Amino acid sequence: MIFMNNTTKAKYDMAEKMLKVDISLEEVALMTELPMETLKKIQHDIQKDGLVTRHDVKDVMLYFFQGF
């Protein structure tokens, strides 16, 4: 089990939501400061599950409109 603080968890959660709505790996890496290897794993898990919800899209849009 990986333990992380709230800031790191928020970065992982946001990266997952951004990748679910087809934002490029490079852009997500730039915004979240997470390593590409980590983002590729998250993207692989998303493709395996294949589920994007309205909640994911709404959360990403709110993130962008709040100015990060």
N, C-alpha and C. Protein backbone atom coordinates (compact mmCIF):
# COMPACT_ATOMS: atom_id res chain seq x y z
N MET A 1 0.84 -1.18 0.00
CA MET A 1 0.00 0.00 0.00
C MET A 1 0.89 1.24 0.00
N ILE A 2 0.52 2.23 -0.81
CA ILE A 2 1.27 3.48 -0.89
C ILE A 2 0.57 4.51 -0.03
N PHE A 3 1.35 5.14 0.86
CA PHE A 3 0.81 6.21 1.69
C PHE A 3 1.22 7.54 1.10
N MET A 4 0.28 8.46 1.02
CA MET A 4 0.60 9.78 0.47
C MET A 4 -0.17 10.85 1.22
N ASN A 5 0.37 12.06 1.19
CA ASN A 5 -0.33 13.16 1.84
C ASN A 5 -1.49 13.64 0.96
N ASN A 6 -2.28 14.55 1.48
CA ASN A 6 -3.47 15.00 0.75
C ASN A 6 -3.14 15.69 -0.56
N THR A 7 -2.04 16.45 -0.59
CA THR A 7 -1.65 17.15 -1.82
C THR A 7 -1.30 16.16 -2.91
N THR A 8 -0.52 15.14 -2.57
CA THR A 8 -0.14 14.13 -3.55
C THR A 8 -1.36 13.35 -4.01
N LYS A 9 -2.24 13.00 -3.09
CA LYS A 9 -3.46 12.27 -3.47
C LYS A 9 -4.30 13.12 -4.41
N ALA A 10 -4.40 14.41 -4.14
CA ALA A 10 -5.17 15.30 -5.01
C ALA A 10 -4.57 15.35 -6.41
N LYS A 11 -3.25 15.33 -6.51
CA LYS A 11 -2.59 15.31 -7.82
C LYS A 11 -2.92 14.04 -8.58
N TYR A 12 -2.89 12.90 -7.90
CA TYR A 12 -3.23 11.63 -8.54
C TYR A 12 -4.68 11.61 -8.99
N ASP A 13 -5.57 12.09 -8.14
CA ASP A 13 -6.99 12.12 -8.47
C ASP A 13 -7.25 13.02 -9.68
N MET A 14 -6.63 14.21 -9.68
CA MET A 14 -6.83 15.13 -10.79
C MET A 14 -6.23 14.56 -12.07
N ALA A 15 -5.06 13.94 -11.98
CA ALA A 15 -4.44 13.34 -13.16
C ALA A 15 -5.36 12.28 -13.75
N GLU A 16 -5.95 11.46 -12.90
CA GLU A 16 -6.86 10.43 -13.39
C GLU A 16 -8.06 11.05 -14.10
N LYS A 17 -8.63 12.06 -13.51
CA LYS A 17 -9.80 12.70 -14.12
C LYS A 17 -9.44 13.38 -15.44
N MET A 18 -8.28 14.02 -15.49
CA MET A 18 -7.85 14.69 -16.72
C MET A 18 -7.60 13.68 -17.83
N LEU A 19 -6.98 12.57 -17.48
CA LEU A 19 -6.69 11.54 -18.49
C LEU A 19 -7.99 10.88 -18.99
N LYS A 20 -8.98 10.79 -18.12
CA LYS A 20 -10.25 10.20 -18.53
C LYS A 20 -10.96 11.03 -19.59
N VAL A 21 -10.70 12.33 -19.62
CA VAL A 21 -11.36 13.19 -20.62
C VAL A 21 -10.39 13.55 -21.75
N ASP A 22 -9.40 12.69 -21.96
CA ASP A 22 -8.48 12.76 -23.10
C ASP A 22 -7.59 13.99 -23.14
N ILE A 23 -7.16 14.48 -21.99
CA ILE A 23 -6.12 15.50 -21.97
C ILE A 23 -4.79 14.76 -22.11
N SER A 24 -3.89 15.28 -22.91
CA SER A 24 -2.66 14.56 -23.23
C SER A 24 -1.78 14.32 -22.00
N LEU A 25 -0.99 13.26 -22.07
CA LEU A 25 -0.07 12.93 -20.98
C LEU A 25 0.88 14.09 -20.68
N GLU A 26 1.35 14.74 -21.72
CA GLU A 26 2.30 15.84 -21.53
C GLU A 26 1.68 17.00 -20.75
N GLU A 27 0.44 17.33 -21.10
CA GLU A 27 -0.25 18.42 -20.40
C GLU A 27 -0.53 18.06 -18.94
N VAL A 28 -0.94 16.82 -18.72
CA VAL A 28 -1.23 16.37 -17.36
C VAL A 28 0.06 16.37 -16.53
N ALA A 29 1.15 15.93 -17.13
CA ALA A 29 2.44 15.92 -16.43
C ALA A 29 2.85 17.35 -16.05
N LEU A 30 2.63 18.27 -16.95
CA LEU A 30 2.98 19.66 -16.70
C LEU A 30 2.16 20.25 -15.56
N MET A 31 0.87 19.95 -15.55
CA MET A 31 -0.02 20.54 -14.55
C MET A 31 0.07 19.87 -13.19
N THR A 32 0.32 18.56 -13.17
CA THR A 32 0.32 17.84 -11.89
C THR A 32 1.72 17.61 -11.33
N GLU A 33 2.73 17.76 -12.18
CA GLU A 33 4.12 17.50 -11.80
C GLU A 33 4.35 16.04 -11.41
N LEU A 34 3.51 15.15 -11.93
CA LEU A 34 3.71 13.72 -11.71
C LEU A 34 4.58 13.16 -12.83
N PRO A 35 5.40 12.15 -12.54
CA PRO A 35 6.26 11.56 -13.57
C PRO A 35 5.45 10.86 -14.67
N MET A 36 6.00 10.87 -15.88
CA MET A 36 5.33 10.24 -17.03
C MET A 36 5.05 8.77 -16.77
N GLU A 37 5.95 8.07 -16.12
CA GLU A 37 5.76 6.63 -15.84
C GLU A 37 4.49 6.43 -15.01
N THR A 38 4.29 7.28 -14.04
CA THR A 38 3.10 7.20 -13.19
C THR A 38 1.85 7.49 -14.00
N LEU A 39 1.91 8.51 -14.84
CA LEU A 39 0.75 8.87 -15.66
C LEU A 39 0.42 7.77 -16.67
N LYS A 40 1.43 7.13 -17.21
CA LYS A 40 1.19 6.02 -18.14
C LYS A 40 0.49 4.87 -17.45
N LYS A 41 0.86 4.60 -16.19
CA LYS A 41 0.21 3.54 -15.43
C LYS A 41 -1.26 3.90 -15.16
N ILE A 42 -1.49 5.15 -14.78
CA ILE A 42 -2.86 5.61 -14.53
C ILE A 42 -3.68 5.48 -15.82
N GLN A 43 -3.09 5.91 -16.95
CA GLN A 43 -3.79 5.84 -18.23
C GLN A 43 -4.10 4.39 -18.61
N HIS A 44 -3.16 3.49 -18.35
CA HIS A 44 -3.37 2.08 -18.64
C HIS A 44 -4.54 1.53 -17.81
N ASP A 45 -4.59 1.90 -16.53
CA ASP A 45 -5.68 1.46 -15.66
C ASP A 45 -7.02 1.99 -16.15
N ILE A 46 -7.04 3.23 -16.63
CA ILE A 46 -8.27 3.83 -17.15
C ILE A 46 -8.73 3.07 -18.39
N GLN A 47 -7.80 2.78 -19.29
CA GLN A 47 -8.16 2.07 -20.52
C GLN A 47 -8.66 0.67 -20.21
N LYS A 48 -8.09 0.07 -19.18
CA LYS A 48 -8.51 -1.27 -18.77
C LYS A 48 -9.94 -1.22 -18.24
N ASP A 49 -10.25 -0.20 -17.43
CA ASP A 49 -11.59 -0.07 -16.85
C ASP A 49 -12.58 0.48 -17.86
N GLY A 50 -12.15 1.46 -18.65
CA GLY A 50 -12.96 2.02 -19.73
C GLY A 50 -14.20 2.78 -19.32
N LEU A 51 -14.21 3.37 -18.13
CA LEU A 51 -15.41 4.07 -17.68
C LEU A 51 -15.10 5.54 -17.41
N VAL A 52 -15.81 6.42 -18.09
CA VAL A 52 -15.72 7.86 -17.85
C VAL A 52 -17.12 8.33 -17.49
N THR A 53 -17.22 9.05 -16.39
CA THR A 53 -18.53 9.50 -15.93
C THR A 53 -18.68 11.00 -16.14
N ARG A 54 -19.89 11.47 -16.04
CA ARG A 54 -20.14 12.92 -16.13
C ARG A 54 -19.43 13.64 -15.00
N HIS A 55 -19.32 12.96 -13.87
CA HIS A 55 -18.63 13.54 -12.72
C HIS A 55 -17.19 13.86 -13.05
N ASP A 56 -16.52 12.98 -13.79
CA ASP A 56 -15.12 13.20 -14.18
C ASP A 56 -15.00 14.45 -15.04
N VAL A 57 -15.86 14.61 -16.00
CA VAL A 57 -15.82 15.76 -16.90
C VAL A 57 -16.11 17.03 -16.12
N LYS A 58 -17.11 16.99 -15.27
CA LYS A 58 -17.48 18.16 -14.46
C LYS A 58 -16.32 18.58 -13.56
N ASP A 59 -15.66 17.63 -12.91
CA ASP A 59 -14.55 17.95 -12.02
C ASP A 59 -13.40 18.60 -12.76
N VAL A 60 -13.09 18.12 -13.94
CA VAL A 60 -11.99 18.69 -14.73
C VAL A 60 -12.35 20.10 -15.16
N MET A 61 -13.57 20.32 -15.60
CA MET A 61 -13.99 21.65 -16.03
C MET A 61 -13.94 22.65 -14.86
N LEU A 62 -14.38 22.23 -13.69
CA LEU A 62 -14.32 23.10 -12.51
C LEU A 62 -12.88 23.45 -12.17
N TYR A 63 -11.99 22.49 -12.30
CA TYR A 63 -10.57 22.70 -12.01
C TYR A 63 -10.01 23.78 -12.93
N PHE A 64 -10.33 23.71 -14.20
CA PHE A 64 -9.81 24.68 -15.16
C PHE A 64 -10.41 26.06 -14.95
N PHE A 65 -11.69 26.14 -14.67
CA PHE A 65 -12.35 27.44 -14.54
C PHE A 65 -12.04 28.13 -13.21
N GLN A 66 -11.55 27.39 -12.24
CA GLN A 66 -11.17 28.00 -10.96
C GLN A 66 -9.76 28.58 -11.04
N GLY A 67 -9.08 28.36 -12.14
CA GLY A 67 -7.73 28.90 -12.27
C GLY A 67 -6.69 28.10 -11.53
N PHE A 68 -6.90 26.79 -11.44
CA PHE A 68 -6.00 25.84 -10.78
C PHE A 68 -6.07 26.09 -9.33
